Protein backbone atom coordinates (compact mmCIF):
# COMPACT_ATOMS: atom_id res chain seq x y z
CA LEU A 1 -1.29 7.61 -19.14
CA ASN A 2 -3.55 11.31 -18.03
CA ARG A 3 -4.23 12.37 -15.03
CA CYS A 4 -5.13 14.57 -12.97
CA PRO A 5 -2.90 17.26 -11.05
CA ARG A 6 -4.62 15.93 -7.89
CA SER A 7 -3.63 12.00 -8.07
CA CYS A 8 0.18 12.84 -9.29
CA ARG A 9 0.48 14.74 -6.25
CA LEU A 10 -0.34 12.30 -4.13
CA ARG A 11 1.04 8.99 -6.05
CA TRP A 12 4.34 11.21 -5.20
CA LEU A 13 3.41 12.31 -1.77
CA ASN A 14 2.99 8.63 -1.14
CA TYR A 15 6.38 8.13 -3.16
CA LEU A 16 8.11 10.51 -0.46
CA ARG A 17 6.75 8.89 3.34
CA PRO A 18 9.64 7.35 4.94
CA ASN A 19 7.87 5.33 6.56
CA ILE A 20 6.16 2.93 3.91
CA LYS A 21 8.07 -0.15 3.84
CA ARG A 22 9.31 -0.88 -0.14
CA GLY A 23 10.12 -4.16 -1.67
CA ASN A 24 8.58 -7.88 -0.40
CA ILE A 25 6.16 -8.43 2.10
CA THR A 26 7.72 -11.36 4.10
CA GLU A 27 5.36 -14.72 5.02
CA GLY A 28 4.11 -13.00 8.47
CA GLU A 29 2.75 -10.88 6.67
CA GLU A 30 1.18 -12.51 4.10
CA ASP A 31 -0.64 -14.39 6.86
CA LEU A 32 -1.71 -11.72 9.31
CA ILE A 33 -3.32 -9.53 5.39
CA ILE A 34 -5.23 -13.86 5.38
CA ARG A 35 -6.26 -13.03 8.60
CA LEU A 36 -7.22 -10.17 8.37
CA HIS A 37 -8.98 -10.24 5.11
CA LYS A 38 -10.53 -12.96 6.20
CA LEU A 39 -12.31 -12.14 9.27
CA LEU A 40 -13.29 -8.19 7.76
CA GLY A 41 -13.04 -9.08 4.55
CA ASN A 42 -12.50 -5.95 1.98
């Protein structure tokens, strides 16, 4: 995969951010995403 240095750096910084939740989303979070998508669109 050829990535520019900027995208690699941003991916690494996002990986290091401690406040990003990793893992599966809960049913409540999924419902919230669906409701917001219906309300706001993409």
